[in-house]
């Protein structure tokens, strides 16, 4: 942000665009880590997998919090509601899948 004098949202949007352009042109994925920051590595499956796992873990955490803070109270208030029963079943599957992907060896 400091180097480009752009807002966090503008930098985020620019990086998302860069990822899409790189993928469309067959370039390596843009990854980020605490040690090196953003980079594009031609042959680094360990780096790609680490980035993907971190992404899955972050999304898993958000889904877990959403289930605990929003969906479970809804379910407790209306346990027989077919909508919340379907949502809980689907979100449970999503949460389980994200957990699996974040910890896949």
N, C-alpha and C. Protein backbone atom coordinates (compact mmCIF):
# COMPACT_ATOMS: atom_id res chain seq x y z
N UNK A 1 0.82 -1.18 0.00
CA UNK A 1 0.00 0.00 0.00
C UNK A 1 0.87 1.25 0.00
N UNK A 2 1.92 1.23 0.79
CA UNK A 2 2.79 2.40 0.87
C UNK A 2 3.50 2.66 -0.45
N UNK A 3 3.97 1.59 -1.08
CA UNK A 3 4.71 1.75 -2.34
C UNK A 3 3.82 2.25 -3.47
N UNK A 4 2.57 1.85 -3.48
CA UNK A 4 1.68 2.24 -4.57
C UNK A 4 0.79 3.43 -4.24
N UNK A 5 0.76 3.81 -2.96
CA UNK A 5 -0.11 4.87 -2.47
C UNK A 5 -1.57 4.59 -2.81
N UNK A 6 -1.95 3.34 -2.67
CA UNK A 6 -3.33 2.91 -2.91
C UNK A 6 -3.93 2.41 -1.60
N UNK A 7 -5.25 2.36 -1.56
CA UNK A 7 -5.93 1.85 -0.37
C UNK A 7 -5.80 0.34 -0.32
N UNK A 8 -6.10 -0.24 0.83
CA UNK A 8 -6.09 -1.69 0.99
C UNK A 8 -7.03 -2.35 -0.02
N UNK A 9 -8.21 -1.78 -0.21
CA UNK A 9 -9.18 -2.34 -1.16
C UNK A 9 -8.65 -2.29 -2.59
N UNK A 10 -8.00 -1.20 -2.96
CA UNK A 10 -7.44 -1.09 -4.31
C UNK A 10 -6.32 -2.10 -4.54
N UNK A 11 -5.47 -2.28 -3.54
CA UNK A 11 -4.39 -3.27 -3.65
C UNK A 11 -4.97 -4.67 -3.75
N UNK A 12 -5.97 -4.96 -2.94
CA UNK A 12 -6.62 -6.27 -2.97
C UNK A 12 -7.23 -6.54 -4.34
N UNK A 13 -7.93 -5.55 -4.90
CA UNK A 13 -8.54 -5.69 -6.22
C UNK A 13 -7.48 -5.88 -7.29
N UNK A 14 -6.39 -5.13 -7.19
CA UNK A 14 -5.29 -5.26 -8.16
C UNK A 14 -4.65 -6.64 -8.10
N UNK A 15 -4.45 -7.17 -6.92
CA UNK A 15 -3.87 -8.51 -6.78
C UNK A 15 -4.81 -9.58 -7.33
N UNK A 16 -6.10 -9.42 -7.08
CA UNK A 16 -7.08 -10.37 -7.63
C UNK A 16 -7.03 -10.34 -9.15
N UNK A 17 -6.94 -9.16 -9.72
CA UNK A 17 -6.84 -9.03 -11.18
C UNK A 17 -5.54 -9.66 -11.69
N UNK A 18 -4.45 -9.41 -11.01
CA UNK A 18 -3.17 -10.01 -11.39
C UNK A 18 -3.24 -11.53 -11.38
N UNK A 19 -3.89 -12.09 -10.37
CA UNK A 19 -4.04 -13.55 -10.30
C UNK A 19 -4.83 -14.08 -11.49
N UNK A 20 -5.91 -13.38 -11.85
CA UNK A 20 -6.73 -13.82 -12.98
C UNK A 20 -5.97 -13.71 -14.30
N UNK A 21 -5.25 -12.63 -14.50
CA UNK A 21 -4.47 -12.45 -15.72
C UNK A 21 -3.37 -13.51 -15.80
N UNK A 22 -2.68 -13.75 -14.69
CA UNK A 22 -1.62 -14.75 -14.66
C UNK A 22 -2.18 -16.13 -14.99
N UNK A 23 -3.32 -16.48 -14.43
CA UNK A 23 -3.93 -17.78 -14.70
C UNK A 23 -4.34 -17.90 -16.16
N UNK A 24 -4.90 -16.84 -16.72
CA UNK A 24 -5.34 -16.86 -18.12
C UNK A 24 -4.15 -17.01 -19.07
N UNK A 25 -2.99 -16.50 -18.67
CA UNK A 25 -1.80 -16.58 -19.53
C UNK A 25 -0.92 -17.78 -19.22
N UNK A 26 -1.38 -18.64 -18.32
CA UNK A 26 -0.61 -19.84 -17.98
C UNK A 26 0.61 -19.57 -17.11
N UNK A 27 0.62 -18.44 -16.43
CA UNK A 27 1.73 -18.10 -15.53
C UNK A 27 1.52 -18.78 -14.19
N UNK A 28 2.56 -18.87 -13.37
CA UNK A 28 2.40 -19.48 -12.06
C UNK A 28 1.49 -18.65 -11.17
N UNK A 29 0.90 -19.29 -10.16
CA UNK A 29 0.00 -18.55 -9.27
C UNK A 29 0.75 -17.52 -8.43
N UNK A 30 0.05 -16.46 -8.07
CA UNK A 30 0.59 -15.44 -7.18
C UNK A 30 0.30 -15.92 -5.76
N UNK A 31 1.36 -16.11 -4.98
CA UNK A 31 1.19 -16.56 -3.60
C UNK A 31 1.77 -15.52 -2.65
N UNK A 32 1.46 -15.68 -1.37
CA UNK A 32 1.97 -14.78 -0.34
C UNK A 32 2.35 -15.58 0.88
N UNK A 33 3.45 -15.21 1.50
CA UNK A 33 3.79 -15.76 2.81
C UNK A 33 4.48 -14.69 3.63
N UNK A 34 4.60 -14.93 4.94
CA UNK A 34 5.15 -13.92 5.85
C UNK A 34 6.61 -13.60 5.57
N UNK A 35 7.36 -14.60 5.11
CA UNK A 35 8.79 -14.41 4.87
C UNK A 35 9.07 -13.60 3.61
N UNK A 36 8.40 -13.94 2.50
CA UNK A 36 8.73 -13.36 1.21
C UNK A 36 7.71 -12.37 0.68
N UNK A 37 6.53 -12.33 1.25
CA UNK A 37 5.47 -11.47 0.71
C UNK A 37 4.88 -12.10 -0.54
N UNK A 38 4.47 -11.28 -1.50
CA UNK A 38 3.87 -11.78 -2.74
C UNK A 38 4.97 -12.19 -3.72
N UNK A 39 4.71 -13.30 -4.43
CA UNK A 39 5.65 -13.74 -5.45
C UNK A 39 4.99 -14.73 -6.39
N UNK A 40 5.60 -14.91 -7.56
CA UNK A 40 5.16 -15.86 -8.57
C UNK A 40 6.32 -16.82 -8.80
N UNK A 41 6.13 -18.08 -8.46
CA UNK A 41 7.19 -19.07 -8.60
C UNK A 41 6.78 -20.11 -9.65
N UNK A 42 7.68 -20.34 -10.61
CA UNK A 42 7.38 -21.27 -11.70
C UNK A 42 7.15 -22.70 -11.25
N UNK A 43 8.00 -23.20 -10.38
CA UNK A 43 7.90 -24.61 -9.99
C UNK A 43 8.08 -24.72 -8.48
N UNK A 44 7.00 -24.48 -7.76
CA UNK A 44 7.06 -24.49 -6.30
C UNK A 44 5.77 -25.06 -5.72
N UNK A 45 5.50 -26.35 -5.98
CA UNK A 45 4.25 -26.91 -5.47
C UNK A 45 4.11 -26.82 -3.95
N UNK A 46 5.21 -26.88 -3.21
CA UNK A 46 5.12 -26.75 -1.75
C UNK A 46 4.60 -25.37 -1.35
N UNK A 47 5.05 -24.35 -2.06
CA UNK A 47 4.60 -22.99 -1.79
C UNK A 47 3.13 -22.86 -2.16
N UNK A 48 2.76 -23.38 -3.32
CA UNK A 48 1.36 -23.29 -3.76
C UNK A 48 0.45 -24.01 -2.77
N UNK A 49 0.83 -25.22 -2.37
CA UNK A 49 0.02 -26.01 -1.45
C UNK A 49 -0.08 -25.31 -0.10
N UNK A 50 1.01 -24.74 0.38
CA UNK A 50 0.98 -24.01 1.65
C UNK A 50 0.02 -22.83 1.60
N UNK A 51 0.05 -22.11 0.48
CA UNK A 51 -0.86 -20.97 0.31
C UNK A 51 -2.31 -21.44 0.26
N UNK A 52 -2.55 -22.51 -0.48
CA UNK A 52 -3.91 -23.05 -0.60
C UNK A 52 -4.43 -23.53 0.75
N UNK A 53 -3.58 -24.22 1.50
CA UNK A 53 -4.00 -24.70 2.83
C UNK A 53 -4.32 -23.54 3.76
N UNK A 54 -3.50 -22.50 3.71
CA UNK A 54 -3.77 -21.32 4.54
C UNK A 54 -5.10 -20.68 4.16
N UNK A 55 -5.38 -20.63 2.87
CA UNK A 55 -6.66 -20.09 2.39
C UNK A 55 -7.82 -20.94 2.91
N UNK A 56 -7.72 -22.27 2.76
CA UNK A 56 -8.79 -23.16 3.22
C UNK A 56 -8.99 -23.04 4.72
N UNK A 57 -7.91 -22.91 5.46
CA UNK A 57 -8.01 -22.76 6.92
C UNK A 57 -8.72 -21.46 7.28
N UNK A 58 -8.39 -20.37 6.59
CA UNK A 58 -9.03 -19.08 6.88
C UNK A 58 -10.53 -19.13 6.57
N UNK A 59 -10.88 -19.72 5.43
CA UNK A 59 -12.30 -19.82 5.07
C UNK A 59 -13.02 -20.76 6.03
N UNK A 60 -12.35 -21.86 6.40
CA UNK A 60 -12.93 -22.80 7.37
C UNK A 60 -13.25 -22.08 8.67
N UNK A 61 -12.34 -21.25 9.14
CA UNK A 61 -12.53 -20.51 10.38
C UNK A 61 -13.75 -19.58 10.27
N UNK A 62 -13.88 -18.89 9.14
CA UNK A 62 -15.02 -17.99 8.94
C UNK A 62 -16.33 -18.75 8.91
N UNK A 63 -16.34 -19.90 8.21
CA UNK A 63 -17.56 -20.72 8.13
C UNK A 63 -17.92 -21.25 9.51
N UNK A 64 -16.92 -21.71 10.25
CA UNK A 64 -17.15 -22.23 11.60
C UNK A 64 -17.77 -21.15 12.50
N UNK A 65 -17.24 -19.94 12.42
CA UNK A 65 -17.79 -18.84 13.22
C UNK A 65 -19.21 -18.48 12.78
N UNK A 66 -19.48 -18.53 11.49
CA UNK A 66 -20.81 -18.23 10.97
C UNK A 66 -21.82 -19.26 11.47
N UNK A 67 -21.41 -20.52 11.44
CA UNK A 67 -22.30 -21.58 11.94
C UNK A 67 -22.59 -21.37 13.42
N UNK A 68 -21.54 -21.15 14.21
CA UNK A 68 -21.71 -21.01 15.66
C UNK A 68 -22.47 -19.75 16.05
N UNK A 69 -22.19 -18.65 15.37
CA UNK A 69 -22.77 -17.37 15.78
C UNK A 69 -24.10 -17.01 15.16
N UNK A 70 -24.39 -17.56 13.98
CA UNK A 70 -25.61 -17.17 13.27
C UNK A 70 -26.56 -18.35 13.09
N UNK A 71 -26.04 -19.43 12.53
CA UNK A 71 -26.92 -20.55 12.18
C UNK A 71 -27.41 -21.34 13.38
N UNK A 72 -26.53 -21.63 14.34
CA UNK A 72 -26.97 -22.40 15.51
C UNK A 72 -28.06 -21.69 16.32
N UNK A 73 -27.93 -20.38 16.57
CA UNK A 73 -29.03 -19.69 17.26
C UNK A 73 -30.35 -19.74 16.47
N UNK A 74 -30.24 -19.61 15.14
CA UNK A 74 -31.43 -19.71 14.29
C UNK A 74 -32.05 -21.10 14.44
N UNK A 75 -31.20 -22.12 14.41
CA UNK A 75 -31.68 -23.49 14.52
C UNK A 75 -32.34 -23.74 15.89
N UNK A 76 -31.77 -23.15 16.94
CA UNK A 76 -32.35 -23.33 18.27
C UNK A 76 -33.74 -22.68 18.38
N UNK A 77 -33.91 -21.55 17.70
CA UNK A 77 -35.20 -20.85 17.73
C UNK A 77 -36.25 -21.57 16.88
N UNK A 78 -35.83 -22.13 15.76
CA UNK A 78 -36.76 -22.76 14.81
C UNK A 78 -36.24 -24.13 14.38
N UNK A 79 -36.17 -25.11 15.28
CA UNK A 79 -35.56 -26.40 14.96
C UNK A 79 -36.29 -27.20 13.87
N UNK A 80 -37.57 -26.94 13.66
CA UNK A 80 -38.32 -27.69 12.67
C UNK A 80 -38.42 -26.98 11.31
N UNK A 81 -37.80 -25.82 11.21
CA UNK A 81 -37.84 -25.06 9.96
C UNK A 81 -37.04 -25.80 8.88
N UNK A 82 -37.68 -26.18 7.76
CA UNK A 82 -36.97 -26.92 6.72
C UNK A 82 -35.81 -26.13 6.11
N UNK A 83 -35.95 -24.80 6.07
CA UNK A 83 -34.87 -23.97 5.53
C UNK A 83 -33.60 -24.13 6.36
N UNK A 84 -33.69 -23.93 7.67
CA UNK A 84 -32.49 -23.99 8.50
C UNK A 84 -31.94 -25.40 8.57
N UNK A 85 -32.80 -26.40 8.50
CA UNK A 85 -32.31 -27.78 8.49
C UNK A 85 -31.47 -28.04 7.23
N UNK A 86 -31.93 -27.55 6.08
CA UNK A 86 -31.17 -27.71 4.84
C UNK A 86 -29.86 -26.92 4.89
N UNK A 87 -29.95 -25.69 5.38
CA UNK A 87 -28.75 -24.85 5.48
C UNK A 87 -27.73 -25.51 6.40
N UNK A 88 -28.15 -26.00 7.54
CA UNK A 88 -27.22 -26.64 8.49
C UNK A 88 -26.56 -27.87 7.87
N UNK A 89 -27.33 -28.66 7.15
CA UNK A 89 -26.76 -29.85 6.51
C UNK A 89 -25.71 -29.45 5.47
N UNK A 90 -26.02 -28.46 4.66
CA UNK A 90 -25.09 -28.03 3.62
C UNK A 90 -23.85 -27.35 4.21
N UNK A 91 -24.06 -26.50 5.20
CA UNK A 91 -22.93 -25.80 5.81
C UNK A 91 -22.04 -26.77 6.58
N UNK A 92 -22.63 -27.81 7.16
CA UNK A 92 -21.83 -28.84 7.82
C UNK A 92 -20.93 -29.54 6.82
N UNK A 93 -21.46 -29.82 5.63
CA UNK A 93 -20.66 -30.45 4.59
C UNK A 93 -19.54 -29.52 4.11
N UNK A 94 -19.86 -28.24 3.95
CA UNK A 94 -18.85 -27.26 3.53
C UNK A 94 -17.76 -27.15 4.58
N UNK A 95 -18.16 -27.05 5.84
CA UNK A 95 -17.19 -26.92 6.93
C UNK A 95 -16.28 -28.14 6.98
N UNK A 96 -16.85 -29.30 6.83
CA UNK A 96 -16.08 -30.54 6.85
C UNK A 96 -15.10 -30.60 5.69
N UNK A 97 -15.54 -30.21 4.51
CA UNK A 97 -14.68 -30.22 3.33
C UNK A 97 -13.52 -29.24 3.49
N UNK A 98 -13.80 -28.05 3.97
CA UNK A 98 -12.73 -27.06 4.17
C UNK A 98 -11.71 -27.55 5.20
N UNK A 99 -12.19 -28.17 6.26
CA UNK A 99 -11.28 -28.72 7.27
C UNK A 99 -10.40 -29.81 6.65
N UNK A 100 -10.99 -30.67 5.86
CA UNK A 100 -10.24 -31.72 5.19
C UNK A 100 -9.18 -31.12 4.26
N UNK A 101 -9.56 -30.15 3.45
CA UNK A 101 -8.62 -29.55 2.51
C UNK A 101 -7.49 -28.80 3.20
N UNK A 102 -7.79 -28.17 4.33
CA UNK A 102 -6.76 -27.44 5.06
C UNK A 102 -5.74 -28.37 5.70
N UNK A 103 -6.16 -29.61 5.98
CA UNK A 103 -5.28 -30.55 6.69
C UNK A 103 -4.87 -31.75 5.85
N UNK A 104 -5.17 -31.73 4.58
CA UNK A 104 -4.85 -32.84 3.69
C UNK A 104 -3.34 -33.02 3.57
N UNK A 105 -2.87 -34.22 3.70
CA UNK A 105 -1.43 -34.50 3.59
C UNK A 105 -1.10 -35.02 2.23
